[in-house]
Amino acid sequence: MLNFITVLGIVLPIFALVYIGYYFRKQGLCTDEWVNVLNKFVYYVSLPAVIIVSFWDIQWRSAEIWTAVGWNMAAYLTFAILVFLSLHSLKHLSGAVKSAMFMVSMVGNTVYIGFPILIHALGSTKAPYVIAAGTAHLVLGLVLSILAVDFWVVKSKKLSLYVDDLIKNPFMLSVGAGIVLSLIGLRGSLLNVVHTPLAMLGATATPVALFTLGGFLHGKFLRQHISRSLVWAGIKILVFPLFLWLFMLLLPADKNIAQVSVLTGTMPVAVTCFVIAKKFKLDEAFVTNVILLSTAISVITISIFLTVMR
């Protein structure tokens, strides 16, 4: 019961923020232009700030952190390859639809839902594992999703173009900046001058993204793609964590790493997916459906996985 109440208390405010955005757009208090500008703010400013701070706060000199990151990357990339090959074989789907499906199966809400739920449930002693797993999942998901868009939508033919796009992507630049800042080890007032503004900007990412998601929902919906959306929500919050559990079991991984990795995989689709879908004109209605459905259903599935994996 405690797990369910904990998860519910974190998930309900998400739907409240979506509704506020929807209400503002419905009442004419904001326009579609507002929604687009706010979406750009999240993509280029607040989300990169989240990534920088997340990577900055990780103790990269710790062997345990590198081990946890390595295991999570190996499992994550294996699943990503399987999903990519499966989607690539479906010739009847457009590149935009394939990119959207790949993205919602890979990018979980590991920071704003995952971190508070798992640290609360597992205790502060496992916080480094939670942060390592969540950050690895988030950044790999974002980077691979951008590459998928490049491959299926932009259709760059040269490897140099992929590399160039990846290097210039704000998410990848943020990863590099975060690692460098962590290794430099700023101290005292200089630390506060740089870290605090970034943390404040990062704190706006989820509420602003949820508000824009609500604004997008006005005048659209959501009855379209329901069955397909349910399938892909299930892939993210059920199939993915079960795959991680099997991967960690067969190799096998350290118990703590395996536990946190599987639980991280249960997180619903991140609202960041909507930001990316809107920017690259992917299937926005489908992505929105999967975000909302996976978030609602995850109240139950996360509780079940927490009970089984503890």
Protein backbone atom coordinates (compact mmCIF):
# COMPACT_ATOMS: atom_id res chain seq x y z
CA MET A 1 0.00 0.00 0.00
CA LEU A 2 2.84 2.39 0.84
CA ASN A 3 4.40 1.87 -2.59
CA PHE A 4 1.09 2.61 -4.32
CA ILE A 5 0.46 5.78 -2.31
CA THR A 6 4.04 6.97 -2.87
CA VAL A 7 3.79 6.49 -6.64
CA LEU A 8 0.31 8.03 -6.78
CA GLY A 9 1.47 11.10 -4.88
CA ILE A 10 4.20 11.72 -7.46
CA VAL A 11 2.13 10.93 -10.56
CA LEU A 12 -1.04 12.94 -9.80
CA PRO A 13 0.71 16.35 -9.92
CA ILE A 14 1.89 15.46 -13.43
CA PHE A 15 -1.69 15.20 -14.66
CA ALA A 16 -2.57 18.39 -12.78
CA LEU A 17 0.09 20.32 -14.72
CA VAL A 18 -1.09 18.85 -18.03
CA TYR A 19 -4.64 19.94 -17.23
CA ILE A 20 -3.49 23.48 -16.34
CA GLY A 21 -1.84 23.78 -19.77
CA TYR A 22 -4.97 22.42 -21.44
CA TYR A 23 -7.20 24.85 -19.49
CA PHE A 24 -5.05 27.88 -20.34
CA ARG A 25 -5.14 27.02 -24.05
CA LYS A 26 -8.88 26.32 -23.96
CA GLN A 27 -9.59 29.68 -22.30
CA GLY A 28 -7.40 31.53 -24.81
CA LEU A 29 -4.94 32.55 -22.11
CA CYS A 30 -2.11 31.19 -24.27
CA THR A 31 -1.75 30.51 -27.99
CA ASP A 32 -0.16 27.84 -30.15
CA GLU A 33 2.77 30.22 -30.60
CA TRP A 34 3.23 30.21 -26.82
CA VAL A 35 3.28 26.43 -26.82
CA ASN A 36 5.92 26.34 -29.56
CA VAL A 37 8.14 28.90 -27.80
CA LEU A 38 7.89 27.07 -24.48
CA ASN A 39 8.72 23.82 -26.26
CA LYS A 40 11.90 25.38 -27.66
CA PHE A 41 12.81 26.66 -24.19
CA VAL A 42 12.61 23.13 -22.77
CA TYR A 43 14.57 21.59 -25.66
CA TYR A 44 17.40 24.12 -25.78
CA VAL A 45 17.58 25.48 -22.21
CA SER A 46 15.92 23.69 -19.30
CA LEU A 47 16.40 20.06 -20.33
CA PRO A 48 20.12 20.55 -21.11
CA ALA A 49 20.40 22.17 -17.66
CA VAL A 50 18.91 19.01 -16.10
CA ILE A 51 21.42 16.83 -17.91
CA ILE A 52 24.39 19.02 -16.95
CA VAL A 53 23.43 19.03 -13.26
CA SER A 54 22.67 15.29 -13.23
CA PHE A 55 26.07 14.42 -14.70
CA TRP A 56 27.81 17.03 -12.58
CA ASP A 57 26.44 15.51 -9.36
CA ILE A 58 27.70 12.01 -10.17
CA GLN A 59 31.01 10.98 -8.57
CA TRP A 60 32.74 9.82 -11.74
CA ARG A 61 35.89 8.77 -9.89
CA SER A 62 33.90 6.04 -8.10
CA ALA A 63 34.43 2.53 -9.49
CA GLU A 64 30.93 1.55 -8.33
CA ILE A 65 29.39 4.30 -10.45
CA TRP A 66 31.27 3.20 -13.57
CA THR A 67 30.25 -0.42 -12.97
CA ALA A 68 26.59 0.57 -12.58
CA VAL A 69 26.68 2.81 -15.66
CA GLY A 70 28.40 0.07 -17.69
CA TRP A 71 25.83 -2.59 -16.83
CA ASN A 72 22.94 -0.24 -17.56
CA MET A 73 24.42 0.86 -20.88
CA ALA A 74 25.02 -2.73 -22.00
CA ALA A 75 21.47 -3.84 -21.18
CA TYR A 76 19.93 -0.66 -22.58
CA LEU A 77 21.84 -0.79 -25.88
CA THR A 78 20.93 -4.47 -26.37
CA PHE A 79 17.23 -3.66 -26.01
CA ALA A 80 17.60 -0.59 -28.25
CA ILE A 81 19.16 -2.68 -31.03
CA LEU A 82 16.32 -5.22 -30.84
CA VAL A 83 13.67 -2.48 -31.02
CA PHE A 84 15.47 -0.68 -33.85
CA LEU A 85 15.81 -3.83 -35.98
CA SER A 86 12.18 -4.79 -35.35
CA LEU A 87 10.92 -1.36 -36.42
CA HIS A 88 13.26 -1.16 -39.40
CA SER A 89 11.77 -4.38 -40.76
CA LEU A 90 8.26 -2.82 -40.83
CA LYS A 91 8.36 -1.26 -44.29
CA HIS A 92 4.74 -0.01 -44.20
CA LEU A 93 5.43 2.49 -41.42
CA SER A 94 6.70 6.00 -42.14
CA GLY A 95 10.01 7.21 -40.74
CA ALA A 96 8.22 9.64 -38.43
CA VAL A 97 6.10 6.85 -36.93
CA LYS A 98 9.10 4.54 -36.51
CA SER A 99 11.05 7.31 -34.80
CA ALA A 100 8.15 8.03 -32.46
CA MET A 101 7.75 4.35 -31.56
CA PHE A 102 11.45 3.90 -30.95
CA MET A 103 11.58 6.99 -28.76
CA VAL A 104 8.63 6.09 -26.51
CA SER A 105 10.04 2.62 -25.92
CA MET A 106 13.43 3.99 -24.85
CA VAL A 107 13.05 7.32 -23.02
CA GLY A 108 11.67 6.97 -19.51
CA ASN A 109 10.87 9.61 -16.92
CA THR A 110 13.84 8.58 -14.81
CA VAL A 111 14.60 11.96 -13.26
CA TYR A 112 11.33 13.51 -12.12
CA ILE A 113 9.46 10.29 -11.39
CA GLY A 114 12.24 7.72 -11.09
CA PHE A 115 14.61 9.49 -8.70
CA PRO A 116 12.08 10.46 -6.00
CA ILE A 117 10.20 7.15 -6.11
CA LEU A 118 13.24 4.86 -6.06
CA ILE A 119 15.30 6.82 -3.53
CA HIS A 120 12.25 6.95 -1.24
CA ALA A 121 11.52 3.24 -1.68
CA LEU A 122 15.08 1.86 -1.63
CA GLY A 123 16.75 4.30 0.75
CA SER A 124 19.45 6.93 0.38
CA THR A 125 22.23 4.30 0.46
CA LYS A 126 21.19 3.22 -3.04
CA ALA A 127 20.87 6.78 -4.36
CA PRO A 128 24.17 6.58 -6.34
CA TYR A 129 22.91 3.47 -8.15
CA VAL A 130 19.57 5.17 -8.85
CA ILE A 131 21.24 8.30 -10.24
CA ALA A 132 23.71 6.27 -12.34
CA ALA A 133 20.98 4.08 -13.84
CA GLY A 134 18.52 6.92 -14.37
CA THR A 135 21.06 9.20 -16.00
CA ALA A 136 22.38 6.42 -18.27
CA HIS A 137 18.83 5.54 -19.38
CA LEU A 138 17.82 9.15 -19.97
CA VAL A 139 20.86 10.26 -21.94
CA LEU A 140 21.18 7.08 -24.01
CA GLY A 141 17.47 7.29 -24.81
CA LEU A 142 17.68 10.92 -25.92
CA VAL A 143 20.83 10.43 -27.99
CA LEU A 144 19.57 7.25 -29.68
CA SER A 145 16.20 8.87 -30.37
CA ILE A 146 17.89 11.79 -32.13
CA LEU A 147 19.96 9.33 -34.18
CA ALA A 148 16.77 7.41 -35.07
CA VAL A 149 15.18 10.65 -36.30
CA ASP A 150 18.32 11.33 -38.34
CA PHE A 151 18.18 7.84 -39.85
CA TRP A 152 14.44 7.50 -40.55
CA VAL A 153 13.27 11.11 -41.01
CA VAL A 154 16.21 13.33 -41.96
CA LYS A 155 17.82 10.36 -43.76
CA SER A 156 21.40 11.56 -43.63
CA LYS A 157 23.49 9.26 -45.78
CA LYS A 158 26.97 10.05 -44.52
CA LEU A 159 28.33 8.90 -41.18
CA SER A 160 30.01 12.29 -40.78
CA LEU A 161 26.58 13.95 -40.85
CA TYR A 162 25.32 11.68 -38.05
CA VAL A 163 28.40 12.46 -35.98
CA ASP A 164 28.08 16.18 -36.70
CA ASP A 165 24.40 16.22 -35.70
CA LEU A 166 25.17 14.26 -32.54
CA ILE A 167 28.02 16.55 -31.47
CA LYS A 168 25.91 19.66 -32.03
CA ASN A 169 22.86 18.25 -30.26
CA PRO A 170 22.16 20.15 -27.00
CA PHE A 171 21.71 16.89 -25.06
CA MET A 172 25.12 15.55 -26.04
CA LEU A 173 26.81 18.89 -25.39
CA SER A 174 25.18 18.89 -21.95
CA VAL A 175 26.53 15.41 -21.15
CA GLY A 176 30.06 16.55 -21.98
CA ALA A 177 29.69 19.75 -19.98
CA GLY A 178 28.34 17.88 -16.96
CA ILE A 179 31.17 15.34 -16.92
CA VAL A 180 33.83 18.05 -17.32
CA LEU A 181 32.35 20.12 -14.48
CA SER A 182 32.20 17.04 -12.25
CA LEU A 183 35.85 16.16 -12.90
CA ILE A 184 37.01 19.77 -12.42
CA GLY A 185 35.40 19.76 -8.99
CA LEU A 186 34.48 23.41 -8.48
CA ARG A 187 34.33 24.47 -4.84
CA GLY A 188 32.93 27.28 -2.71
CA SER A 189 31.24 30.35 -4.13
CA LEU A 190 32.27 29.53 -7.71
CA LEU A 191 30.36 26.25 -7.42
CA ASN A 192 27.22 28.10 -6.31
CA VAL A 193 27.54 30.70 -9.05
CA VAL A 194 27.50 28.02 -11.77
CA HIS A 195 25.59 25.08 -10.24
CA THR A 196 22.69 26.97 -8.65
CA PRO A 197 21.45 28.79 -11.80
CA LEU A 198 21.66 25.56 -13.80
CA ALA A 199 19.72 23.68 -11.13
CA MET A 200 17.09 26.44 -11.10
CA LEU A 201 16.74 26.29 -14.89
CA GLY A 202 16.57 22.49 -14.77
CA ALA A 203 13.77 22.66 -12.21
CA THR A 204 11.58 24.31 -14.88
CA ALA A 205 11.94 21.47 -17.41
CA THR A 206 9.19 19.15 -16.26
CA PRO A 207 6.49 21.71 -15.30
CA VAL A 208 6.99 23.73 -18.48
CA ALA A 209 7.04 20.62 -20.67
CA LEU A 210 3.86 19.32 -19.01
CA PHE A 211 2.18 22.70 -19.47
CA THR A 212 3.04 22.71 -23.19
CA LEU A 213 1.80 19.13 -23.47
CA GLY A 214 -1.55 20.23 -22.03
CA GLY A 215 -1.67 23.17 -24.43
CA PHE A 216 -1.05 20.81 -27.34
CA LEU A 217 -3.94 18.58 -26.25
CA HIS A 218 -6.52 21.30 -26.75
CA GLY A 219 -8.57 20.66 -29.89
CA LYS A 220 -6.96 17.27 -30.53
CA PHE A 221 -7.20 13.82 -29.33
CA LEU A 222 -6.42 11.05 -28.31
CA ARG A 223 -9.02 8.58 -29.26
CA GLN A 224 -6.89 7.95 -32.30
CA HIS A 225 -4.10 5.40 -31.91
CA ILE A 226 -5.47 4.16 -28.55
CA SER A 227 -4.80 0.44 -29.14
CA ARG A 228 -1.38 1.11 -30.66
CA SER A 229 -0.57 3.51 -27.83
CA LEU A 230 -1.50 0.90 -25.22
CA VAL A 231 0.82 -1.61 -26.90
CA TRP A 232 3.78 0.78 -26.84
CA ALA A 233 3.02 1.93 -23.31
CA GLY A 234 3.16 -1.76 -22.35
CA ILE A 235 6.47 -2.20 -24.15
CA LYS A 236 7.97 0.65 -22.13
CA ILE A 237 6.66 -0.13 -18.64
CA LEU A 238 6.41 -3.94 -18.83
CA VAL A 239 8.47 -5.48 -21.64
CA PHE A 240 11.51 -3.23 -21.13
CA PRO A 241 11.94 -3.87 -17.37
CA LEU A 242 11.31 -7.60 -17.86
CA PHE A 243 14.04 -7.62 -20.52
CA LEU A 244 16.40 -5.82 -18.13
CA TRP A 245 15.61 -8.35 -15.39
CA LEU A 246 16.36 -11.27 -17.75
CA PHE A 247 19.55 -9.62 -19.01
CA MET A 248 20.85 -9.01 -15.48
CA LEU A 249 19.82 -12.50 -14.37
CA LEU A 250 21.55 -14.38 -17.18
CA LEU A 251 24.92 -12.61 -17.07
CA PRO A 252 24.60 -12.11 -13.92
CA ALA A 253 24.96 -8.59 -12.51
CA ASP A 254 25.48 -7.35 -8.96
CA LYS A 255 22.21 -7.58 -7.01
CA ASN A 256 22.01 -3.85 -6.26
CA ILE A 257 22.75 -2.87 -9.86
CA ALA A 258 20.20 -5.38 -11.19
CA GLN A 259 17.49 -4.23 -8.78
CA VAL A 260 17.90 -0.53 -9.55
CA SER A 261 18.26 -1.09 -13.30
CA VAL A 262 15.02 -3.07 -13.54
CA LEU A 263 13.11 -0.58 -11.40
CA THR A 264 14.47 2.31 -13.47
CA GLY A 265 13.14 0.55 -16.55
CA THR A 266 9.61 0.59 -15.14
CA MET A 267 9.35 4.38 -15.36
CA PRO A 268 6.72 5.76 -17.77
CA VAL A 269 7.54 7.56 -20.99
CA ALA A 270 9.18 10.94 -20.38
CA VAL A 271 7.36 14.13 -21.34
CA THR A 272 10.61 15.01 -23.13
CA CYS A 273 9.39 12.71 -25.92
CA PHE A 274 6.61 15.16 -26.66
CA VAL A 275 9.15 17.99 -26.85
CA ILE A 276 11.21 16.04 -29.40
CA ALA A 277 8.15 14.85 -31.34
CA LYS A 278 6.91 18.41 -31.70
CA LYS A 279 10.30 19.75 -32.74
CA PHE A 280 10.85 17.10 -35.44
CA LYS A 281 7.17 16.79 -36.48
CA LEU A 282 6.83 13.17 -35.48
CA ASP A 283 3.49 11.55 -34.60
CA GLU A 284 2.63 13.98 -31.78
CA ALA A 285 -0.82 12.55 -30.98
CA PHE A 286 0.58 9.02 -30.65
CA VAL A 287 3.47 10.18 -28.45
CA THR A 288 1.10 12.18 -26.26
CA ASN A 289 -1.17 9.15 -25.84
CA VAL A 290 1.72 6.91 -24.81
CA ILE A 291 3.02 9.46 -22.30
CA LEU A 292 -0.37 9.81 -20.61
CA LEU A 293 -1.28 6.10 -20.71
CA SER A 294 2.11 4.87 -19.51
CA THR A 295 2.11 7.43 -16.68
CA ALA A 296 -1.38 6.44 -15.52
CA ILE A 297 -0.79 2.67 -15.73
CA SER A 298 2.66 2.94 -14.14
CA VAL A 299 1.05 3.77 -10.79
CA ILE A 300 0.13 0.08 -10.65
CA THR A 301 3.08 -1.48 -12.48
CA ILE A 302 5.78 0.41 -10.54
CA SER A 303 4.12 -0.63 -7.28
CA ILE A 304 4.13 -4.27 -8.38
CA PHE A 305 7.78 -4.20 -9.47
CA LEU A 306 8.80 -2.46 -6.23
CA THR A 307 7.08 -5.19 -4.22
CA VAL A 308 8.67 -8.02 -6.23
CA MET A 309 12.18 -6.54 -6.49
CA ARG A 310 12.66 -5.40 -2.88
